[in-house]
């Protein structure tokens, strides 16, 4: 069972969302040595919304984490393939 609240299902937004300025010290994604904290992030990608809508609300958070893991694994593999030897 996750220690976090389930990810809320929301419709995709077409409104642009301004990221906090670096000067304010507020960052929506914080990366520490052992954890990534995501604060008030809206994702307006239809494919992401559609995928998460198909998953039970109680399992959406872990599904999002798995999607990030798969995506990062793929990005790392692509970088390795195109890295000059």
N, C-alpha and C. Protein backbone atom coordinates (compact mmCIF):
# COMPACT_ATOMS: atom_id res chain seq x y z
N UNK A 1 0.84 -1.17 0.00
CA UNK A 1 0.00 0.00 0.00
C UNK A 1 0.89 1.24 0.00
N UNK A 2 0.53 2.23 -0.79
CA UNK A 2 1.31 3.44 -0.92
C UNK A 2 1.11 4.36 0.27
N UNK A 3 2.16 5.07 0.62
CA UNK A 3 2.06 6.04 1.70
C UNK A 3 1.51 7.37 1.20
N UNK A 4 1.29 7.46 -0.10
CA UNK A 4 0.81 8.70 -0.71
C UNK A 4 -0.66 8.57 -1.06
N UNK A 5 -1.32 9.69 -1.16
CA UNK A 5 -2.72 9.71 -1.58
C UNK A 5 -2.79 9.30 -3.04
N UNK A 6 -3.90 8.67 -3.46
CA UNK A 6 -4.04 8.29 -4.87
C UNK A 6 -4.00 9.53 -5.78
N UNK A 7 -3.50 9.32 -6.98
CA UNK A 7 -3.48 10.40 -7.96
C UNK A 7 -4.92 10.63 -8.41
N UNK A 8 -5.32 11.88 -8.42
CA UNK A 8 -6.68 12.22 -8.80
C UNK A 8 -6.82 12.21 -10.31
N UNK A 9 -7.88 11.63 -10.84
CA UNK A 9 -8.14 11.65 -12.26
C UNK A 9 -8.70 13.00 -12.64
N UNK A 10 -8.06 13.65 -13.61
CA UNK A 10 -8.51 14.96 -14.07
C UNK A 10 -8.48 15.00 -15.58
N UNK A 11 -9.30 15.86 -16.14
CA UNK A 11 -9.30 16.03 -17.59
C UNK A 11 -8.07 16.82 -18.01
N UNK A 12 -7.64 16.61 -19.24
CA UNK A 12 -6.50 17.35 -19.75
C UNK A 12 -6.86 18.81 -19.92
N UNK A 13 -5.93 19.65 -19.59
CA UNK A 13 -6.14 21.09 -19.72
C UNK A 13 -5.42 21.60 -20.95
N UNK A 14 -6.04 22.53 -21.65
CA UNK A 14 -5.38 23.15 -22.78
C UNK A 14 -4.80 24.50 -22.40
N UNK A 15 -5.00 24.90 -21.15
CA UNK A 15 -4.49 26.17 -20.67
C UNK A 15 -3.02 26.02 -20.30
N UNK A 16 -2.16 26.95 -20.76
CA UNK A 16 -0.75 26.85 -20.37
C UNK A 16 -0.60 27.13 -18.88
N UNK A 17 0.34 26.44 -18.28
CA UNK A 17 0.62 26.63 -16.86
C UNK A 17 2.03 27.16 -16.74
N UNK A 18 2.17 28.32 -16.13
CA UNK A 18 3.50 28.91 -15.97
C UNK A 18 4.22 28.24 -14.82
N UNK A 19 5.45 27.85 -15.06
CA UNK A 19 6.27 27.26 -14.00
C UNK A 19 6.72 28.37 -13.07
N UNK A 20 6.89 28.04 -11.79
CA UNK A 20 7.39 29.05 -10.86
C UNK A 20 8.76 29.53 -11.30
N UNK A 21 9.07 30.78 -11.06
CA UNK A 21 10.37 31.31 -11.45
C UNK A 21 11.45 30.76 -10.53
N UNK A 22 12.64 30.68 -11.05
CA UNK A 22 13.77 30.20 -10.25
C UNK A 22 14.06 31.16 -9.11
N UNK A 23 13.79 32.44 -9.33
CA UNK A 23 14.07 33.43 -8.30
C UNK A 23 13.21 33.22 -7.06
N UNK A 24 11.98 32.71 -7.24
CA UNK A 24 11.08 32.54 -6.09
C UNK A 24 11.49 31.37 -5.21
N UNK A 25 12.36 30.50 -5.73
CA UNK A 25 12.78 29.34 -4.95
C UNK A 25 11.78 28.20 -4.99
N UNK A 26 10.64 28.40 -5.65
CA UNK A 26 9.62 27.36 -5.73
C UNK A 26 9.83 26.53 -6.99
N UNK A 27 9.93 25.24 -6.81
CA UNK A 27 10.08 24.33 -7.95
C UNK A 27 9.01 23.27 -7.85
N UNK A 28 8.40 22.96 -8.96
CA UNK A 28 7.35 21.95 -8.96
C UNK A 28 7.91 20.55 -8.84
N UNK A 29 9.12 20.36 -9.32
CA UNK A 29 9.78 19.06 -9.20
C UNK A 29 11.06 19.28 -8.42
N UNK A 30 11.15 18.62 -7.28
CA UNK A 30 12.35 18.69 -6.45
C UNK A 30 13.01 17.33 -6.45
N UNK A 31 14.31 17.31 -6.71
CA UNK A 31 15.05 16.06 -6.73
C UNK A 31 16.07 16.10 -5.60
N UNK A 32 15.97 15.14 -4.69
CA UNK A 32 16.95 15.00 -3.62
C UNK A 32 17.81 13.79 -3.95
N UNK A 33 18.70 13.44 -3.07
CA UNK A 33 19.57 12.29 -3.34
C UNK A 33 18.82 10.97 -3.35
N UNK A 34 17.64 10.91 -2.73
CA UNK A 34 16.91 9.65 -2.65
C UNK A 34 15.45 9.72 -3.08
N UNK A 35 14.97 10.91 -3.46
CA UNK A 35 13.53 11.05 -3.68
C UNK A 35 13.26 12.15 -4.69
N UNK A 36 12.16 11.99 -5.42
CA UNK A 36 11.64 13.05 -6.27
C UNK A 36 10.31 13.47 -5.68
N UNK A 37 10.15 14.75 -5.44
CA UNK A 37 8.89 15.30 -4.93
C UNK A 37 8.26 16.11 -6.05
N UNK A 38 7.00 15.82 -6.35
CA UNK A 38 6.29 16.54 -7.40
C UNK A 38 5.16 17.31 -6.74
N UNK A 39 5.14 18.62 -6.95
CA UNK A 39 4.15 19.49 -6.31
C UNK A 39 3.29 20.18 -7.37
N UNK A 40 2.00 20.04 -7.27
CA UNK A 40 1.06 20.79 -8.08
C UNK A 40 1.42 20.81 -9.56
N UNK A 41 1.65 19.65 -10.13
CA UNK A 41 1.99 19.53 -11.54
C UNK A 41 0.76 19.08 -12.30
N UNK A 42 0.47 19.76 -13.40
CA UNK A 42 -0.63 19.38 -14.29
C UNK A 42 -0.04 18.87 -15.58
N UNK A 43 -0.54 17.74 -16.06
CA UNK A 43 -0.05 17.15 -17.30
C UNK A 43 -1.18 17.23 -18.31
N UNK A 44 -0.97 17.97 -19.38
CA UNK A 44 -2.02 18.16 -20.37
C UNK A 44 -1.78 17.34 -21.64
N UNK A 45 -1.21 16.18 -21.47
CA UNK A 45 -0.98 15.26 -22.60
C UNK A 45 -2.12 14.25 -22.65
N UNK A 46 -2.86 14.27 -23.73
CA UNK A 46 -4.06 13.43 -23.85
C UNK A 46 -3.74 11.95 -23.64
N UNK A 47 -2.61 11.48 -24.16
CA UNK A 47 -2.27 10.07 -24.01
C UNK A 47 -2.05 9.70 -22.55
N UNK A 48 -1.45 10.59 -21.79
CA UNK A 48 -1.21 10.33 -20.37
C UNK A 48 -2.54 10.29 -19.62
N UNK A 49 -3.39 11.27 -19.90
CA UNK A 49 -4.70 11.32 -19.24
C UNK A 49 -5.50 10.07 -19.57
N UNK A 50 -5.54 9.70 -20.84
CA UNK A 50 -6.32 8.53 -21.27
C UNK A 50 -5.80 7.26 -20.59
N UNK A 51 -4.49 7.12 -20.53
CA UNK A 51 -3.89 5.94 -19.89
C UNK A 51 -4.29 5.87 -18.42
N UNK A 52 -4.13 6.96 -17.69
CA UNK A 52 -4.43 6.94 -16.26
C UNK A 52 -5.92 6.83 -15.98
N UNK A 53 -6.76 7.34 -16.87
CA UNK A 53 -8.21 7.20 -16.69
C UNK A 53 -8.64 5.73 -16.73
N UNK A 54 -7.87 4.92 -17.46
CA UNK A 54 -8.22 3.51 -17.62
C UNK A 54 -7.82 2.66 -16.41
N UNK A 55 -7.18 3.28 -15.44
CA UNK A 55 -6.67 2.57 -14.26
C UNK A 55 -7.48 2.98 -13.03
N UNK A 56 -7.75 2.02 -12.18
CA UNK A 56 -8.51 2.29 -10.96
C UNK A 56 -7.83 3.40 -10.16
N UNK A 57 -8.62 4.33 -9.61
CA UNK A 57 -8.04 5.46 -8.87
C UNK A 57 -7.02 5.07 -7.81
N UNK A 58 -7.23 3.99 -7.11
CA UNK A 58 -6.31 3.56 -6.08
C UNK A 58 -4.99 3.04 -6.61
N UNK A 59 -4.91 2.80 -7.92
CA UNK A 59 -3.68 2.27 -8.53
C UNK A 59 -3.02 3.28 -9.46
N UNK A 60 -3.58 4.47 -9.58
CA UNK A 60 -3.04 5.45 -10.51
C UNK A 60 -1.66 5.95 -10.12
N UNK A 61 -1.41 6.13 -8.85
CA UNK A 61 -0.11 6.62 -8.43
C UNK A 61 1.00 5.65 -8.81
N UNK A 62 0.82 4.38 -8.51
CA UNK A 62 1.86 3.40 -8.84
C UNK A 62 1.97 3.25 -10.36
N UNK A 63 0.86 3.38 -11.08
CA UNK A 63 0.90 3.32 -12.54
C UNK A 63 1.72 4.48 -13.09
N UNK A 64 1.57 5.65 -12.50
CA UNK A 64 2.36 6.81 -12.94
C UNK A 64 3.84 6.59 -12.65
N UNK A 65 4.16 6.05 -11.49
CA UNK A 65 5.55 5.76 -11.15
C UNK A 65 6.13 4.74 -12.13
N UNK A 66 5.38 3.70 -12.44
CA UNK A 66 5.85 2.69 -13.40
C UNK A 66 6.06 3.31 -14.77
N UNK A 67 5.14 4.18 -15.19
CA UNK A 67 5.28 4.84 -16.49
C UNK A 67 6.55 5.69 -16.52
N UNK A 68 6.84 6.39 -15.44
CA UNK A 68 8.08 7.16 -15.37
C UNK A 68 9.30 6.26 -15.45
N UNK A 69 9.26 5.14 -14.74
CA UNK A 69 10.39 4.20 -14.76
C UNK A 69 10.63 3.67 -16.17
N UNK A 70 9.56 3.26 -16.85
CA UNK A 70 9.68 2.73 -18.21
C UNK A 70 10.20 3.81 -19.15
N UNK A 71 9.65 5.01 -19.03
CA UNK A 71 10.09 6.10 -19.89
C UNK A 71 11.54 6.46 -19.68
N UNK A 72 11.98 6.52 -18.45
CA UNK A 72 13.37 6.86 -18.15
C UNK A 72 14.30 5.75 -18.63
N UNK A 73 13.90 4.50 -18.45
CA UNK A 73 14.71 3.38 -18.95
C UNK A 73 14.88 3.49 -20.46
N UNK A 74 13.81 3.81 -21.17
CA UNK A 74 13.87 3.96 -22.63
C UNK A 74 14.75 5.15 -23.02
N UNK A 75 14.61 6.27 -22.33
CA UNK A 75 15.44 7.44 -22.65
C UNK A 75 16.92 7.14 -22.44
N UNK A 76 17.25 6.46 -21.36
CA UNK A 76 18.65 6.11 -21.10
C UNK A 76 19.19 5.17 -22.18
N UNK A 77 18.37 4.21 -22.60
CA UNK A 77 18.79 3.28 -23.65
C UNK A 77 19.01 4.02 -24.97
N UNK A 78 18.14 4.96 -25.30
CA UNK A 78 18.30 5.74 -26.53
C UNK A 78 19.58 6.57 -26.47
N UNK A 79 19.81 7.20 -25.34
CA UNK A 79 21.05 8.00 -25.22
C UNK A 79 22.27 7.14 -25.41
N UNK A 80 22.25 5.94 -24.85
CA UNK A 80 23.39 5.04 -24.96
C UNK A 80 23.60 4.61 -26.42
N UNK A 81 22.51 4.38 -27.14
CA UNK A 81 22.62 3.96 -28.55
C UNK A 81 23.22 5.07 -29.43
N UNK A 82 22.92 6.31 -29.12
CA UNK A 82 23.35 7.42 -29.96
C UNK A 82 24.59 8.12 -29.45
N UNK A 83 25.15 7.63 -28.35
CA UNK A 83 26.37 8.21 -27.80
C UNK A 83 27.55 7.85 -28.71
N UNK A 84 28.35 8.82 -29.06
CA UNK A 84 29.52 8.51 -29.91
C UNK A 84 30.46 7.54 -29.20
N UNK A 85 31.04 6.65 -29.97
CA UNK A 85 31.96 5.67 -29.39
C UNK A 85 33.40 6.04 -29.59
